[in-house]
């Protein structure tokens, strides 16, 4: 796909070659929850790039650093996951990046804990953050999904909204946390590969199913 970068006459506020957005909820009470895995990945990339995102305006925390020989803008939306599209639209304007140079990282209930899936484009898969982004700017960007598994209720995967909400806003521990931490590091590696070699190379190298569902009993 052919895309052109978007620049104003004065240049973008946070000019970068690449934009990476991690989906998650603001507030210390959410920092360690499963639904904030996207922010964990941004934190790891910030460590590597020397660019700690700082709150700028009302929609996001943003920081620009260097990674894989290029300038990377790292964004944590402050809008809560379900309204992420507002922050992404503004981040695209502020960085001058387009869909071809954007990566969104987030959690996925329907993948095993620690699984990774990298692709460009596609649907929202029922993820409210992706729905919001799609409505605001479309979905033709690279995305990295990290599996968090579905909660178990009476030994079976649950789709009950209350059960799911409690699960995604819960804090993982033990083997589950270890698997997620490992996946976060691999997802950060995948971002670097996307930047230097493209999404297909990253998918070939890092896509993995992960172990059987190790989500907790609700």
Foldseek 3Di string as FASTA:
>chain_A
DDDDFDADPVGAQAAWQAEEEFAFEDDPLQCQFLFRLSVVLLVVLCVVFVWDFDDDPQFWTWTWGDALRIIYIYIYTHPHLLQNQVVVLVVSRRHRDAQARYEYEGEDAPAAQLFKAKDFFDQPNPRNNRVNNCVRHRGGHIYIYGYLYAAAEPRHGDPPVVRRVVRRSDHDDDPSVVSSVVSSVLVNVLSSCCVPPNRVVSRVPGGDRDDPHPHYHD
